[in-house]
Amino acid sequence: LSGRIVAIADTFDALISKRPYKNQYPLEMVYDIIRREKGAHFDPEITDIFLDNFDAFVKIRNESGLLDPVNLEKFKLSERDQIRIQT
């Protein structure tokens, strides 16, 4: 159970965080990526709980001071997610 929870938490953190190899993703895209992976990469029940509370997780992240607004003009998908979206 803890591994299935951490799988979503880790993906959420990775997608909403700027990394040396990618920019942070817009929140709508983060939500859609996690939703699409329900039943494939993520446990369906845990995914439902996570998505039902998505705004609360974003709020917690905002309160930490670690979430910056996404500049959509400069945003670019990572190569991995470009492939995922095309399939």
C-alpha atoms as a PDB file:
ATOM      1  CA  LEU A   1       0.000   0.000   0.000  1.00  0.00           C
ATOM      2  CA  SER A   2       2.722   2.474   0.925  1.00  0.00           C
ATOM      3  CA  GLY A   3       4.540   1.822  -2.363  1.00  0.00           C
ATOM      4  CA  ARG A   4       1.383   2.531  -4.357  1.00  0.00           C
ATOM      5  CA  ILE A   5       0.867   5.809  -2.478  1.00  0.00           C
ATOM      6  CA  VAL A   6       4.493   6.830  -2.934  1.00  0.00           C
ATOM      7  CA  ALA A   7       4.281   6.091  -6.685  1.00  0.00           C
ATOM      8  CA  ILE A   8       1.663   8.822  -7.130  1.00  0.00           C
ATOM      9  CA  ALA A   9       3.308  11.212  -4.658  1.00  0.00           C
ATOM     10  CA  ASP A  10       6.681  10.845  -6.385  1.00  0.00           C
ATOM     11  CA  THR A  11       5.212  11.400  -9.843  1.00  0.00           C
ATOM     12  CA  PHE A  12       3.231  14.418  -8.632  1.00  0.00           C
ATOM     13  CA  ASP A  13       6.374  15.917  -7.098  1.00  0.00           C
ATOM     14  CA  ALA A  14       8.462  15.207 -10.198  1.00  0.00           C
ATOM     15  CA  LEU A  15       5.920  16.763 -12.545  1.00  0.00           C
ATOM     16  CA  ILE A  16       5.296  19.935 -10.543  1.00  0.00           C
ATOM     17  CA  SER A  17       8.984  20.482  -9.802  1.00  0.00           C
ATOM     18  CA  LYS A  18      11.588  22.108 -11.997  1.00  0.00           C
ATOM     19  CA  ARG A  19      14.454  19.753 -12.659  1.00  0.00           C
ATOM     20  CA  PRO A  20      17.774  20.357 -14.422  1.00  0.00           C
ATOM     21  CA  TYR A  21      16.444  18.412 -17.426  1.00  0.00           C
ATOM     22  CA  LYS A  22      12.872  19.811 -17.520  1.00  0.00           C
ATOM     23  CA  ASN A  23      10.585  22.629 -16.444  1.00  0.00           C
ATOM     24  CA  GLN A  24       7.703  22.107 -14.051  1.00  0.00           C
ATOM     25  CA  TYR A  25       4.459  21.109 -15.731  1.00  0.00           C
ATOM     26  CA  PRO A  26       1.209  23.108 -15.665  1.00  0.00           C
ATOM     27  CA  LEU A  27      -1.153  21.774 -12.997  1.00  0.00           C
ATOM     28  CA  GLU A  28      -3.832  20.827 -15.538  1.00  0.00           C
ATOM     29  CA  MET A  29      -1.310  18.665 -17.354  1.00  0.00           C
ATOM     30  CA  VAL A  30      -0.128  17.058 -14.101  1.00  0.00           C
ATOM     31  CA  TYR A  31      -3.729  16.165 -13.273  1.00  0.00           C
ATOM     32  CA  ASP A  32      -4.310  14.700 -16.749  1.00  0.00           C
ATOM     33  CA  ILE A  33      -1.101  12.642 -16.724  1.00  0.00           C
ATOM     34  CA  ILE A  34      -1.972  11.090 -13.371  1.00  0.00           C
ATOM     35  CA  ARG A  35      -5.583  10.497 -14.460  1.00  0.00           C
ATOM     36  CA  ARG A  36      -4.440   8.759 -17.662  1.00  0.00           C
ATOM     37  CA  GLU A  37      -2.120   6.447 -15.710  1.00  0.00           C
ATOM     38  CA  LYS A  38      -4.956   5.216 -13.455  1.00  0.00           C
ATOM     39  CA  GLY A  39      -5.046   1.450 -13.649  1.00  0.00           C
ATOM     40  CA  ALA A  40      -1.807   1.289 -15.625  1.00  0.00           C
ATOM     41  CA  HIS A  41       0.970   2.905 -13.590  1.00  0.00           C
ATOM     42  CA  PHE A  42      -1.137   3.790 -10.524  1.00  0.00           C
ATOM     43  CA  ASP A  43      -3.565   1.868  -8.340  1.00  0.00           C
ATOM     44  CA  PRO A  44      -7.105   2.884  -9.421  1.00  0.00           C
ATOM     45  CA  GLU A  45      -8.502   3.414  -5.911  1.00  0.00           C
ATOM     46  CA  ILE A  46      -5.525   5.436  -4.728  1.00  0.00           C
ATOM     47  CA  THR A  47      -5.617   7.471  -7.930  1.00  0.00           C
ATOM     48  CA  ASP A  48      -9.268   8.338  -7.323  1.00  0.00           C
ATOM     49  CA  ILE A  49      -8.482   9.462  -3.769  1.00  0.00           C
ATOM     50  CA  PHE A  50      -5.496  11.492  -4.964  1.00  0.00           C
ATOM     51  CA  LEU A  51      -7.422  13.189  -7.768  1.00  0.00           C
ATOM     52  CA  ASP A  52     -10.393  13.902  -5.480  1.00  0.00           C
ATOM     53  CA  ASN A  53      -7.929  15.763  -3.227  1.00  0.00           C
ATOM     54  CA  PHE A  54      -5.692  17.217  -5.936  1.00  0.00           C
ATOM     55  CA  ASP A  55      -6.410  20.832  -4.968  1.00  0.00           C
ATOM     56  CA  ALA A  56      -5.458  20.109  -1.355  1.00  0.00           C
ATOM     57  CA  PHE A  57      -2.106  18.647  -2.444  1.00  0.00           C
ATOM     58  CA  VAL A  58      -1.451  21.673  -4.644  1.00  0.00           C
ATOM     59  CA  LYS A  59      -2.351  23.976  -1.745  1.00  0.00           C
ATOM     60  CA  ILE A  60       0.102  22.193   0.545  1.00  0.00           C
ATOM     61  CA  ARG A  61       2.777  22.499  -2.127  1.00  0.00           C
ATOM     62  CA  ASN A  62       1.995  26.215  -2.598  1.00  0.00           C
ATOM     63  CA  GLU A  63       2.233  26.828   1.133  1.00  0.00           C
ATOM     64  CA  SER A  64       5.695  25.262   1.150  1.00  0.00           C
ATOM     65  CA  GLY A  65       6.864  28.054  -1.156  1.00  0.00           C
ATOM     66  CA  LEU A  66       8.270  25.564  -3.638  1.00  0.00           C
ATOM     67  CA  LEU A  67       5.694  25.924  -6.412  1.00  0.00           C
ATOM     68  CA  ASP A  68       6.355  28.685  -8.931  1.00  0.00           C
ATOM     69  CA  PRO A  69       3.898  29.749 -11.635  1.00  0.00           C
ATOM     70  CA  VAL A  70       4.473  28.001 -14.950  1.00  0.00           C
ATOM     71  CA  ASN A  71       5.453  30.209 -17.864  1.00  0.00           C
ATOM     72  CA  LEU A  72       3.365  28.588 -20.607  1.00  0.00           C
ATOM     73  CA  GLU A  73       5.205  30.507 -23.327  1.00  0.00           C
ATOM     74  CA  LYS A  74       8.450  28.753 -22.393  1.00  0.00           C
ATOM     75  CA  PHE A  75       6.948  25.414 -21.330  1.00  0.00           C
ATOM     76  CA  LYS A  76       8.055  22.338 -23.213  1.00  0.00           C
ATOM     77  CA  LEU A  77       7.142  18.696 -22.620  1.00  0.00           C
ATOM     78  CA  SER A  78       9.913  16.302 -21.723  1.00  0.00           C
ATOM     79  CA  GLU A  79      10.763  13.761 -24.438  1.00  0.00           C
ATOM     80  CA  ARG A  80       9.228  10.967 -22.345  1.00  0.00           C
ATOM     81  CA  ASP A  81       5.904  12.754 -21.996  1.00  0.00           C
ATOM     82  CA  GLN A  82       5.847  13.714 -25.669  1.00  0.00           C
ATOM     83  CA  ILE A  83       5.939  10.005 -26.445  1.00  0.00           C
ATOM     84  CA  ARG A  84       3.257   9.194 -23.828  1.00  0.00           C
ATOM     85  CA  ILE A  85       0.860  11.818 -25.177  1.00  0.00           C
ATOM     86  CA  GLN A  86       1.279  10.622 -28.770  1.00  0.00           C
ATOM     87  CA  THR A  87       0.293   7.045 -27.842  1.00  0.00           C
END
